[in-house]
Amino acid sequence: MDCVKSGIQMQISCCFSEHIMILFVIAIGIVMSMTMMLHNVDALADRKPFQGPKRQWFDPDTSSAFRKVKDLQGRHVWRYTSSKKIKMPSEIRLQAEVDPDLVGLSKDEISNKIQNMKEEQQNALCEKIGSGNNCIMNDMCLRRWEVVNDEHNKIAKNKENISTRQFTLVQFNTLAEGLSSGPDAEMKFSLESRRWESALSNPNTYGGFDKVEHPEICLDFNLRKWRLLDVILGSSVNEKIEGDIFFSNPDIIALEEVDNYHSFFQPALHKLGYDSIFIPKRFSPCVKFGYFSDGCALFWSRQKFKLIEEERRQFEKRGQVYIIATLKSNGSDTSFTVGVTHLKAKKGRVNEQDRTSQINELIREIEAHRNRVQEKFDLEEVPIIIAGDFNADVTSEDSTCIQTAIHNEFKSAYPIQNVTKTFSTYKFRGESSSKRTIDYIFYKATNLVCTHTLNMFEEVDIQEPWGLPGFQYPSDHIMIGSRFKFL
C-alpha cells in the first residue's frame, strides 16, 4: 500500500513539474514577444509612412464599394451606391473605359483633332440648315494677357529662369455633359428608378439653354468636348506679351463640372503632358439625368511639376467637393499648394451662408495641409492658391463668401471691385438671365505675385444673342487665368 501511495505521489510530482516547466516556457515566450514588439515599434517609428494607395470612397481602384456594370451603350462603367438608408441617395457613376474617339490617337493626332473641330462643327451646322452665310460660325472669342502688376511684370529673358520661377494657372467650369445634353443625346443610364422622379417628369432639354440656336449641334458633347480642350489649351489666346514672351499651354489647369474625366479629359490631357487627380460629387445632379457624376479635377504639367501631397474631400456642409494638392517644381526648390472647388450654387441668403461655411472650411483645411507639408518636407514658405467656381457674386447685397476669403488675407488675381461691366458667366435659361463674375483665383503668399491675367469678357465680346454657351464659346463660363512669379 505504501508503495502504491509513493508511486502516486511521484506521478503527481512529475506532472506538476511538467506543468511548471510548460508555464515557464510560455512565460519566456511572452517576454521575448513583448521585447520584439517593443523593438519593432521603435523600428516602425523610423520608417516612412506607407506610400501605397489610400482607400477612398471616390476611387474605384482602391474602394471595394464600386462594382463594374455596363451603361446603355454597353461600355463598362464603375457604379457606387451608398448602403445607408438616407433620404437622398448617394450614387457615383464613373467611366471605366476610354472614349472611343481617343483610342489609338497620338499626341499630334489629338492636337489636329482639336484644331479641325471648328470646321467639323460648322460642317454639321451647314448640313443641318443648308449652306450659306447662316451657317458660318463666329470665331472663338479671342483672349489676351494683361499686365496687372507693374512692379513685377518684367519677365526675365533667360528661358530656364522663366520655366522654373513662373507658371500659368487657368480656371474653367466646363459645363457638364449631363447638364447640357438634349433629349436626342445618347443617355448613359436609364431613369427607371423612382429616386429620380423629378428627372422623369422634367427630362433634360439642353440644361435649360433653350435660346441657343441649333443646340443639337452646338451642345453635342461629341463635338463640344474637343472645343473645350481648344479653350483649355489656349489656342484662342494671344500668347505674345510685350513682344518678348510666348505663353504656351497652361502649367496648371483647374476644372469643374467634369463628368467625363476618366473617359476623355484625363486620357487626352495625359497624352498632352499632364498628370491629374479628380474627385466626383456623391450627389451629382448629372446622375439624375442619366449621366455620369461630375466633379473637380486638377491637372499639372508633369514636365514642370511633381505632386508631393494631396487630399480630396467632400465639404462638411452640402455635397460639394474640393481638392488640395502641393506641387513641387522639377527644376527648382519652389513649391505651392493649390485648391480647386465648386461651391454651392444658386442665389439667396441661405445658399450664401452655405458657401461662406464651405470657403471657411477650405481655407482652414488648405492652410493646415500647407503647414503639414512645410514641416514634413522641410520646405520654405509654400504659397497657397485657390481656384474655382464660387457661385458667389461680390456685388450682391448678402455677399459674405468672397469677403471671407479677403478677410483671411487672400488676394484676388482679378480686381473684385467695379466688376459690373465684365463677367465670367453670361447665360439665358428660360426667361431668366445671369451675367455675373463668380469664378475666381485667390492666392496668399509673400513670395509669389500675380503678374498677368487673361482678360475678362464684356458683353460686346459675345456676338451670339443667346450669350453662353454657343458656337463662339463651348461653356456657360469663360476660362480665367493667371501668370504667377516667385520672388
Protein backbone atom coordinates (compact mmCIF):
# COMPACT_ATOMS: atom_id res chain seq x y z
CA MET A 1 0.00 0.00 0.00
CA ASP A 2 2.83 2.36 0.88
CA CYS A 3 4.41 1.55 -2.46
CA VAL A 4 1.22 2.47 -4.26
CA LYS A 5 0.95 5.78 -2.39
CA SER A 6 4.56 6.52 -3.10
CA GLY A 7 4.05 5.88 -6.85
CA ILE A 8 1.03 8.11 -6.99
CA GLN A 9 2.88 10.91 -5.21
CA MET A 10 5.78 10.61 -7.65
CA GLN A 11 3.37 10.74 -10.61
CA ILE A 12 1.68 13.86 -9.24
CA SER A 13 5.03 15.44 -8.52
CA CYS A 14 6.19 14.65 -12.06
CA CYS A 15 3.03 16.07 -13.68
CA PHE A 16 3.27 19.19 -11.53
CA SER A 17 6.89 19.68 -12.55
CA GLU A 18 5.97 19.29 -16.23
CA HIS A 19 3.21 21.91 -15.91
CA ILE A 20 5.58 24.27 -14.14
CA MET A 21 8.08 23.79 -16.98
CA ILE A 22 5.42 24.45 -19.63
CA LEU A 23 4.27 27.62 -17.86
CA PHE A 24 7.87 28.71 -17.55
CA VAL A 25 8.45 28.22 -21.29
CA ILE A 26 5.24 30.15 -22.10
CA ALA A 27 6.29 32.98 -19.82
CA ILE A 28 9.69 33.20 -21.52
CA GLY A 29 7.95 33.24 -24.90
CA ILE A 30 5.66 36.09 -23.82
CA VAL A 31 8.58 38.13 -22.51
CA MET A 32 10.54 37.57 -25.75
CA SER A 33 7.49 38.50 -27.88
CA MET A 34 6.92 41.70 -25.91
CA THR A 35 10.60 42.59 -26.27
CA MET A 36 10.42 42.05 -30.05
CA MET A 37 7.21 44.11 -30.27
CA LEU A 38 8.82 47.00 -28.44
CA HIS A 39 11.83 46.73 -30.74
CA ASN A 40 9.56 46.69 -33.80
CA VAL A 41 7.63 49.73 -32.54
CA ASP A 42 10.91 51.64 -32.29
CA ALA A 43 11.86 50.44 -35.77
CA LEU A 44 8.46 51.39 -37.21
CA ALA A 45 8.81 54.86 -35.76
CA ASP A 46 11.79 55.39 -38.06
CA ARG A 47 10.02 54.09 -41.16
CA LYS A 48 8.36 56.28 -43.77
CA PRO A 49 4.56 56.09 -43.93
CA PHE A 50 3.02 53.57 -46.30
CA GLN A 51 3.09 55.10 -49.76
CA GLY A 52 0.51 52.86 -51.41
CA PRO A 53 -2.98 53.96 -52.50
CA LYS A 54 -5.34 55.08 -49.75
CA ARG A 55 -8.81 53.57 -49.58
CA GLN A 56 -11.04 56.40 -50.77
CA TRP A 57 -14.79 56.34 -51.31
CA PHE A 58 -14.38 58.17 -54.63
CA ASP A 59 -11.67 55.94 -56.13
CA PRO A 60 -12.76 52.69 -57.84
CA ASP A 61 -9.15 51.47 -57.85
CA THR A 62 -8.99 51.39 -54.05
CA SER A 63 -12.60 51.24 -52.85
CA SER A 64 -14.45 47.92 -52.79
CA ALA A 65 -17.77 49.82 -52.77
CA PHE A 66 -17.61 50.24 -56.55
CA ARG A 67 -18.86 47.50 -58.84
CA LYS A 68 -18.36 47.28 -62.58
CA VAL A 69 -21.52 47.34 -64.70
CA LYS A 70 -22.40 48.35 -68.26
CA ASP A 71 -24.11 51.53 -69.44
CA LEU A 72 -26.80 51.70 -72.12
CA GLN A 73 -24.11 51.71 -74.85
CA GLY A 74 -22.59 48.51 -73.47
CA ARG A 75 -19.45 50.20 -72.14
CA HIS A 76 -18.01 49.26 -68.77
CA VAL A 77 -18.57 51.78 -66.00
CA TRP A 78 -17.97 51.98 -62.26
CA ARG A 79 -21.01 52.38 -60.06
CA TYR A 80 -21.14 53.14 -56.35
CA THR A 81 -24.35 53.33 -54.31
CA SER A 82 -24.39 54.10 -50.59
CA SER A 83 -25.78 51.36 -48.37
CA LYS A 84 -27.05 53.83 -45.79
CA LYS A 85 -30.78 54.36 -45.67
CA ILE A 86 -30.87 58.08 -46.29
CA LYS A 87 -33.47 60.29 -47.86
CA MET A 88 -31.16 61.45 -50.65
CA PRO A 89 -29.35 58.52 -52.31
CA SER A 90 -25.60 58.75 -52.68
CA GLU A 91 -24.59 57.41 -56.05
CA ILE A 92 -21.39 57.78 -58.07
CA ARG A 93 -21.01 56.75 -61.70
CA LEU A 94 -17.60 56.83 -63.37
CA GLN A 95 -16.35 55.64 -66.74
CA ALA A 96 -14.18 52.52 -66.81
CA GLU A 97 -13.25 52.78 -70.50
CA VAL A 98 -11.53 55.41 -72.62
CA ASP A 99 -13.70 57.40 -75.03
CA PRO A 100 -13.69 55.55 -78.39
CA ASP A 101 -12.83 58.85 -80.12
CA LEU A 102 -9.48 58.85 -78.27
CA VAL A 103 -8.49 55.22 -78.72
CA GLY A 104 -5.27 54.90 -80.71
CA LEU A 105 -4.76 58.65 -81.17
CA SER A 106 -1.27 60.03 -80.75
CA LYS A 107 -0.46 63.39 -79.19
CA ASP A 108 -0.20 65.01 -82.63
CA GLU A 109 -3.47 63.45 -83.79
CA ILE A 110 -5.26 64.81 -80.72
CA SER A 111 -3.86 68.27 -81.45
CA ASN A 112 -5.03 68.03 -85.07
CA LYS A 113 -8.48 66.90 -83.96
CA ILE A 114 -8.75 69.95 -81.71
CA GLN A 115 -7.65 72.32 -84.48
CA ASN A 116 -10.11 70.85 -87.00
CA MET A 117 -13.14 70.76 -84.70
CA LYS A 118 -14.48 74.20 -85.60
CA GLU A 119 -14.65 73.14 -89.25
CA GLU A 120 -16.29 69.84 -88.31
CA GLN A 121 -18.87 71.59 -86.15
CA GLN A 122 -19.54 74.12 -88.90
CA ASN A 123 -19.99 71.34 -91.47
CA ALA A 124 -22.56 69.71 -89.19
CA LEU A 125 -24.38 73.05 -88.93
CA CYS A 126 -24.35 73.61 -92.71
CA GLU A 127 -25.64 70.09 -93.30
CA LYS A 128 -28.46 70.82 -90.87
CA ILE A 129 -29.62 74.21 -92.22
CA GLY A 130 -28.08 74.30 -95.69
CA SER A 131 -25.01 76.14 -96.89
CA GLY A 132 -24.81 79.91 -96.91
CA ASN A 133 -23.96 82.78 -94.61
CA ASN A 134 -26.31 81.50 -91.92
CA CYS A 135 -24.06 78.51 -91.26
CA ILE A 136 -20.84 80.49 -90.93
CA MET A 137 -19.76 80.22 -87.32
CA ASN A 138 -18.17 83.08 -85.43
CA ASP A 139 -14.56 82.62 -84.42
CA MET A 140 -13.77 81.63 -80.86
CA CYS A 141 -13.70 84.65 -78.55
CA LEU A 142 -10.11 85.85 -78.61
CA ARG A 143 -8.28 86.36 -75.32
CA ARG A 144 -5.23 88.33 -74.34
CA TRP A 145 -2.88 88.51 -71.38
CA GLU A 146 -2.99 91.75 -69.45
CA VAL A 147 -0.35 93.11 -67.06
CA VAL A 148 -1.74 93.51 -63.55
CA ASN A 149 1.40 94.13 -61.53
CA ASP A 150 3.67 96.83 -62.92
CA GLU A 151 6.21 96.30 -60.19
CA HIS A 152 6.85 92.67 -61.08
CA ASN A 153 5.86 92.46 -64.75
CA LYS A 154 9.43 92.45 -66.04
CA ILE A 155 9.97 88.91 -67.18
CA ALA A 156 13.50 87.59 -67.23
CA LYS A 157 14.61 86.55 -70.70
CA ASN A 158 16.55 83.55 -69.51
CA LYS A 159 14.35 80.64 -70.59
CA GLU A 160 15.48 78.40 -67.74
CA ASN A 161 14.56 81.09 -65.22
CA ILE A 162 11.18 81.54 -66.87
CA SER A 163 10.31 77.86 -66.71
CA THR A 164 11.29 77.35 -63.08
CA ARG A 165 10.25 80.61 -61.42
CA GLN A 166 6.99 81.32 -63.27
CA PHE A 167 3.88 79.39 -64.19
CA THR A 168 0.40 79.85 -65.62
CA LEU A 169 -2.79 78.59 -63.98
CA VAL A 170 -6.22 78.52 -65.64
CA GLN A 171 -9.63 78.04 -64.03
CA PHE A 172 -12.60 76.74 -66.05
CA ASN A 173 -16.09 75.40 -65.42
CA THR A 174 -16.54 73.18 -68.47
CA LEU A 175 -20.36 72.77 -68.31
CA ALA A 176 -21.02 69.09 -67.70
CA GLU A 177 -22.42 66.91 -70.46
CA GLY A 178 -25.16 65.76 -68.09
CA LEU A 179 -26.30 69.36 -67.55
CA SER A 180 -26.36 70.44 -71.18
CA SER A 181 -27.48 67.47 -73.29
CA GLY A 182 -30.76 67.27 -75.14
CA PRO A 183 -33.43 64.60 -75.44
CA ASP A 184 -31.82 63.15 -78.58
CA ALA A 185 -28.41 62.61 -76.97
CA GLU A 186 -27.26 59.13 -76.04
CA MET A 187 -28.24 58.78 -72.41
CA LYS A 188 -25.77 56.66 -70.44
CA PHE A 189 -28.22 55.26 -67.87
CA SER A 190 -31.97 54.72 -67.77
CA LEU A 191 -34.24 56.76 -65.49
CA GLU A 192 -36.36 53.87 -64.28
CA SER A 193 -35.60 54.46 -60.61
CA ARG A 194 -38.25 56.17 -58.51
CA ARG A 195 -35.47 58.12 -56.87
CA TRP A 196 -35.28 60.31 -59.96
CA GLU A 197 -38.99 61.09 -60.41
CA SER A 198 -38.14 64.78 -60.86
CA ALA A 199 -35.97 63.94 -63.86
CA LEU A 200 -38.62 61.67 -65.34
CA SER A 201 -41.21 64.44 -65.15
CA ASN A 202 -38.73 67.07 -66.41
CA PRO A 203 -36.43 65.45 -68.99
CA ASN A 204 -33.14 67.14 -69.81
CA THR A 205 -33.62 69.75 -72.53
CA TYR A 206 -30.12 71.10 -73.08
CA GLY A 207 -29.83 72.17 -69.45
CA GLY A 208 -32.42 74.90 -69.96
CA PHE A 209 -30.33 76.68 -72.61
CA ASP A 210 -33.38 76.85 -74.85
CA LYS A 211 -32.42 80.13 -76.51
CA VAL A 212 -29.29 78.62 -78.09
CA GLU A 213 -29.75 78.13 -81.83
CA HIS A 214 -29.29 74.56 -83.03
CA PRO A 215 -28.37 73.17 -79.61
CA GLU A 216 -28.35 69.65 -81.02
CA ILE A 217 -25.08 70.66 -82.75
CA CYS A 218 -23.77 73.43 -80.53
CA LEU A 219 -24.17 71.38 -77.33
CA ASP A 220 -23.44 67.95 -78.81
CA PHE A 221 -20.74 66.78 -76.42
CA ASN A 222 -19.12 64.59 -79.08
CA LEU A 223 -18.19 67.86 -80.80
CA ARG A 224 -18.11 70.23 -77.84
CA LYS A 225 -15.56 68.21 -75.85
CA TRP A 226 -12.87 69.00 -78.44
CA ARG A 227 -13.69 72.70 -78.35
CA LEU A 228 -13.38 72.60 -74.56
CA LEU A 229 -9.85 71.25 -74.99
CA ASP A 230 -9.29 74.03 -77.51
CA VAL A 231 -10.15 76.61 -74.84
CA ILE A 232 -8.19 74.87 -72.06
CA LEU A 233 -5.01 74.66 -74.12
CA GLY A 234 -5.21 78.33 -75.01
CA SER A 235 -5.33 78.25 -78.80
CA SER A 236 -7.55 81.35 -78.77
CA VAL A 237 -5.15 83.26 -76.51
CA ASN A 238 -2.85 85.91 -77.90
CA GLU A 239 0.30 84.48 -76.37
CA LYS A 240 2.58 87.39 -77.13
CA ILE A 241 3.29 89.66 -74.19
CA GLU A 242 5.11 92.92 -74.74
CA GLY A 243 6.88 91.37 -77.73
CA ASP A 244 9.06 89.20 -75.54
CA ILE A 245 7.42 86.08 -74.15
CA PHE A 246 5.11 83.49 -75.61
CA PHE A 247 2.90 81.57 -73.20
CA SER A 248 2.30 78.05 -74.40
CA ASN A 249 -0.12 75.55 -72.85
CA PRO A 250 -1.02 76.34 -69.22
CA ASP A 251 1.04 74.70 -66.50
CA ILE A 252 -1.84 74.17 -64.05
CA ILE A 253 -5.48 73.50 -65.02
CA ALA A 254 -8.37 73.66 -62.54
CA LEU A 255 -11.67 72.30 -63.87
CA GLU A 256 -15.20 71.97 -62.53
CA GLU A 257 -18.34 70.22 -63.79
CA VAL A 258 -16.18 67.47 -65.22
CA ASP A 259 -18.32 64.37 -65.85
CA ASN A 260 -16.07 62.78 -68.48
CA TYR A 261 -12.78 62.74 -66.57
CA HIS A 262 -11.88 59.05 -66.81
CA SER A 263 -13.03 58.60 -70.40
CA PHE A 264 -11.93 61.84 -72.04
CA PHE A 265 -10.18 64.65 -70.15
CA GLN A 266 -7.71 62.50 -68.22
CA PRO A 267 -6.53 60.30 -71.13
CA ALA A 268 -6.47 63.21 -73.61
CA LEU A 269 -4.55 65.60 -71.39
CA HIS A 270 -2.26 62.81 -70.18
CA LYS A 271 -1.11 62.29 -73.76
CA LEU A 272 -0.58 66.04 -73.98
CA GLY A 273 1.77 66.02 -70.99
CA TYR A 274 -0.43 66.40 -67.90
CA ASP A 275 -0.90 64.34 -64.75
CA SER A 276 -4.05 64.83 -62.71
CA ILE A 277 -6.37 63.95 -59.84
CA PHE A 278 -10.17 64.05 -59.66
CA ILE A 279 -12.97 63.87 -57.12
CA PRO A 280 -16.62 63.26 -58.07
CA LYS A 281 -19.64 64.54 -56.18
CA ARG A 282 -21.61 61.97 -54.23
CA PHE A 283 -24.81 63.81 -55.11
CA SER A 284 -24.09 64.96 -58.65
CA PRO A 285 -27.13 66.43 -60.44
CA CYS A 286 -25.86 64.78 -63.65
CA VAL A 287 -26.76 61.35 -62.27
CA LYS A 288 -30.47 62.09 -62.05
CA PHE A 289 -30.49 62.91 -65.78
CA GLY A 290 -28.92 59.58 -66.71
CA TYR A 291 -25.28 60.68 -66.98
CA PHE A 292 -22.03 60.29 -65.07
CA SER A 293 -21.07 62.06 -61.85
CA ASP A 294 -19.42 65.43 -62.27
CA GLY A 295 -16.68 66.76 -60.02
CA CYS A 296 -13.48 68.79 -59.74
CA ALA A 297 -10.18 67.99 -61.45
CA LEU A 298 -6.65 69.32 -61.17
CA PHE A 299 -4.09 68.88 -63.97
CA TRP A 300 -0.42 69.85 -63.94
CA SER A 301 2.41 69.67 -66.46
CA ARG A 302 4.45 66.64 -65.45
CA GLN A 303 7.46 68.10 -67.24
CA LYS A 304 7.36 71.09 -64.92
CA PHE A 305 5.88 69.79 -61.64
CA LYS A 306 5.51 66.71 -59.50
CA LEU A 307 2.83 66.00 -56.91
CA ILE A 308 4.15 65.58 -53.36
CA GLU A 309 0.93 65.55 -51.31
CA GLU A 310 -2.83 65.69 -51.96
CA GLU A 311 -6.24 65.49 -50.28
CA ARG A 312 -9.69 65.14 -51.82
CA ARG A 313 -12.76 65.76 -49.72
CA GLN A 314 -16.46 66.48 -49.57
CA PHE A 315 -17.48 69.58 -47.63
CA GLU A 316 -18.98 69.05 -44.20
CA LYS A 317 -21.98 71.09 -45.32
CA ARG A 318 -23.78 70.11 -48.53
CA GLY A 319 -22.43 67.71 -51.15
CA GLN A 320 -19.86 69.85 -52.96
CA VAL A 321 -16.22 68.73 -53.11
CA TYR A 322 -12.70 70.14 -53.21
CA ILE A 323 -9.11 69.17 -53.99
CA ILE A 324 -5.98 70.25 -52.13
CA ALA A 325 -2.59 69.43 -53.65
CA THR A 326 1.01 70.54 -53.18
CA LEU A 327 3.19 70.62 -56.27
CA LYS A 328 6.95 70.96 -56.44
CA SER A 329 8.88 72.35 -59.37
CA ASN A 330 11.10 69.82 -61.16
CA GLY A 331 13.69 72.49 -61.92
CA SER A 332 13.94 74.44 -58.68
CA ASP A 333 13.18 74.35 -54.97
CA THR A 334 9.85 76.19 -55.36
CA SER A 335 6.57 74.59 -54.24
CA PHE A 336 3.00 75.75 -53.83
CA THR A 337 -0.32 74.39 -52.58
CA VAL A 338 -3.36 74.70 -54.83
CA GLY A 339 -7.05 74.16 -54.07
CA VAL A 340 -9.83 73.52 -56.58
CA THR A 341 -13.50 73.74 -55.70
CA HIS A 342 -17.06 74.28 -56.90
CA LEU A 343 -19.20 75.86 -54.18
CA LYS A 344 -22.94 75.65 -53.59
CA ALA A 345 -24.99 77.04 -56.48
CA LYS A 346 -27.96 79.42 -56.68
CA LYS A 347 -28.55 82.85 -55.23
CA GLY A 348 -30.12 83.60 -51.89
CA ARG A 349 -29.15 84.23 -48.29
CA VAL A 350 -29.24 80.56 -47.19
CA ASN A 351 -27.09 79.40 -50.12
CA GLU A 352 -24.65 82.25 -49.48
CA GLN A 353 -24.37 81.11 -45.87
CA ASP A 354 -23.56 77.61 -47.12
CA ARG A 355 -20.91 78.97 -49.49
CA THR A 356 -19.39 81.00 -46.67
CA SER A 357 -19.24 77.90 -44.49
CA GLN A 358 -17.60 75.98 -47.33
CA ILE A 359 -14.93 78.59 -48.06
CA ASN A 360 -14.17 78.80 -44.35
CA GLU A 361 -13.63 75.03 -44.29
CA LEU A 362 -11.49 75.08 -47.42
CA ILE A 363 -9.27 77.87 -46.09
CA ARG A 364 -8.89 76.07 -42.76
CA GLU A 365 -8.00 72.75 -44.39
CA ILE A 366 -5.71 74.12 -47.09
CA GLU A 367 -3.69 76.13 -44.56
CA ALA A 368 -3.40 73.07 -42.29
CA HIS A 369 -2.31 70.98 -45.29
CA ARG A 370 0.28 73.57 -46.30
CA ASN A 371 1.67 73.72 -42.76
CA ARG A 372 1.98 69.92 -42.56
CA VAL A 373 3.72 69.77 -45.92
CA GLN A 374 6.17 72.52 -44.98
CA GLU A 375 7.13 70.66 -41.82
CA LYS A 376 7.16 67.18 -43.37
CA PHE A 377 9.39 68.10 -46.32
CA ASP A 378 11.30 70.90 -44.58
CA LEU A 379 10.20 73.49 -47.14
CA GLU A 380 10.47 77.24 -47.09
CA GLU A 381 7.30 79.32 -47.37
CA VAL A 382 4.76 77.49 -49.55
CA PRO A 383 2.25 79.84 -51.23
CA ILE A 384 -1.45 78.92 -51.43
CA ILE A 385 -3.66 79.33 -54.50
CA ILE A 386 -7.41 78.63 -54.57
CA ALA A 387 -9.24 78.44 -57.91
CA GLY A 388 -12.83 77.59 -58.57
CA ASP A 389 -16.41 78.37 -59.41
CA PHE A 390 -17.51 80.07 -56.18
CA ASN A 391 -21.07 80.74 -57.37
CA ALA A 392 -20.73 83.96 -55.38
CA ASP A 393 -21.11 87.46 -56.76
CA VAL A 394 -19.18 90.08 -54.82
CA THR A 395 -21.66 92.78 -55.85
CA SER A 396 -24.72 91.16 -54.27
CA GLU A 397 -26.09 92.61 -51.02
CA ASP A 398 -25.64 89.44 -48.97
CA SER A 399 -22.16 88.63 -50.30
CA THR A 400 -20.11 87.07 -47.49
CA CYS A 401 -18.31 84.22 -49.25
CA ILE A 402 -15.82 86.35 -51.19
CA GLN A 403 -15.39 88.73 -48.27
CA THR A 404 -14.43 85.74 -46.12
CA ALA A 405 -11.53 84.93 -48.44
CA ILE A 406 -10.39 88.55 -48.40
CA HIS A 407 -10.64 88.78 -44.61
CA ASN A 408 -8.39 85.71 -44.42
CA GLU A 409 -5.71 87.69 -46.30
CA PHE A 410 -6.25 86.06 -49.69
CA LYS A 411 -5.70 88.31 -52.71
CA SER A 412 -7.75 88.03 -55.87
CA ALA A 413 -5.77 87.75 -59.09
CA TYR A 414 -8.50 89.88 -60.70
CA PRO A 415 -9.93 93.15 -59.38
CA ILE A 416 -13.10 92.37 -57.44
CA GLN A 417 -14.37 95.93 -57.27
CA ASN A 418 -16.24 97.61 -60.13
CA VAL A 419 -16.82 94.34 -61.98
CA THR A 420 -20.22 95.34 -63.34
CA LYS A 421 -19.01 95.53 -66.96
CA THR A 422 -17.13 92.24 -67.08
CA PHE A 423 -18.33 88.74 -66.24
CA SER A 424 -17.26 85.11 -66.04
CA THR A 425 -20.71 83.70 -66.87
CA TYR A 426 -23.42 85.08 -69.14
CA LYS A 427 -26.38 82.83 -69.85
CA PHE A 428 -30.10 82.65 -70.51
CA ARG A 429 -32.25 79.87 -69.07
CA GLY A 430 -35.90 80.18 -69.92
CA GLU A 431 -36.99 83.71 -69.10
CA SER A 432 -34.16 84.33 -66.63
CA SER A 433 -30.67 85.57 -67.41
CA SER A 434 -27.43 85.74 -65.46
CA LYS A 435 -24.39 87.90 -66.15
CA ARG A 436 -22.03 87.75 -63.18
CA THR A 437 -18.46 87.23 -62.07
CA ILE A 438 -18.46 84.05 -59.96
CA ASP A 439 -15.16 82.37 -60.97
CA TYR A 440 -12.07 83.38 -59.02
CA ILE A 441 -8.38 82.77 -58.47
CA PHE A 442 -7.16 83.70 -54.99
CA TYR A 443 -3.65 83.44 -53.59
CA LYS A 444 -1.92 84.00 -50.26
CA ALA A 445 1.85 84.46 -50.15
CA THR A 446 4.67 86.89 -49.57
CA ASN A 447 6.99 85.18 -52.08
CA LEU A 448 4.57 84.93 -55.02
CA VAL A 449 2.86 87.58 -57.15
CA CYS A 450 0.36 87.55 -59.98
CA THR A 451 1.89 89.42 -62.94
CA HIS A 452 -0.71 88.83 -65.68
CA THR A 453 -4.33 87.72 -66.09
CA LEU A 454 -6.42 86.65 -69.07
CA ASN A 455 -8.80 89.45 -69.96
CA MET A 456 -12.40 89.13 -68.79
CA PHE A 457 -15.30 89.29 -71.25
CA GLU A 458 -17.60 92.22 -71.81
CA GLU A 459 -21.00 91.93 -73.44
CA VAL A 460 -19.65 93.35 -76.69
CA ASP A 461 -17.30 90.34 -76.96
CA ILE A 462 -20.23 87.92 -77.26
CA GLN A 463 -21.67 88.16 -80.77
CA GLU A 464 -24.33 85.49 -80.30
CA PRO A 465 -27.58 86.92 -78.84
CA TRP A 466 -28.17 83.96 -76.53
CA GLY A 467 -24.96 84.54 -74.58
CA LEU A 468 -23.08 81.45 -73.41
CA PRO A 469 -22.69 78.64 -74.34
CA GLY A 470 -22.69 78.86 -78.10
CA PHE A 471 -20.72 78.17 -81.25
CA GLN A 472 -18.43 81.04 -80.23
CA TYR A 473 -17.67 79.55 -76.82
CA PRO A 474 -18.36 75.97 -75.62
CA SER A 475 -19.29 76.62 -71.95
CA ASP A 476 -21.54 78.94 -69.98
CA HIS A 477 -18.42 80.07 -68.05
CA ILE A 478 -15.34 81.67 -69.53
CA MET A 479 -11.92 80.38 -68.64
CA ILE A 480 -9.92 82.75 -66.46
CA GLY A 481 -6.17 82.55 -65.96
CA SER A 482 -3.23 83.99 -64.08
CA ARG A 483 0.51 84.14 -64.56
CA PHE A 484 2.40 83.80 -61.29
CA LYS A 485 6.00 84.63 -60.49
CA PHE A 486 8.09 83.58 -57.50
CA LEU A 487 10.03 86.47 -55.96
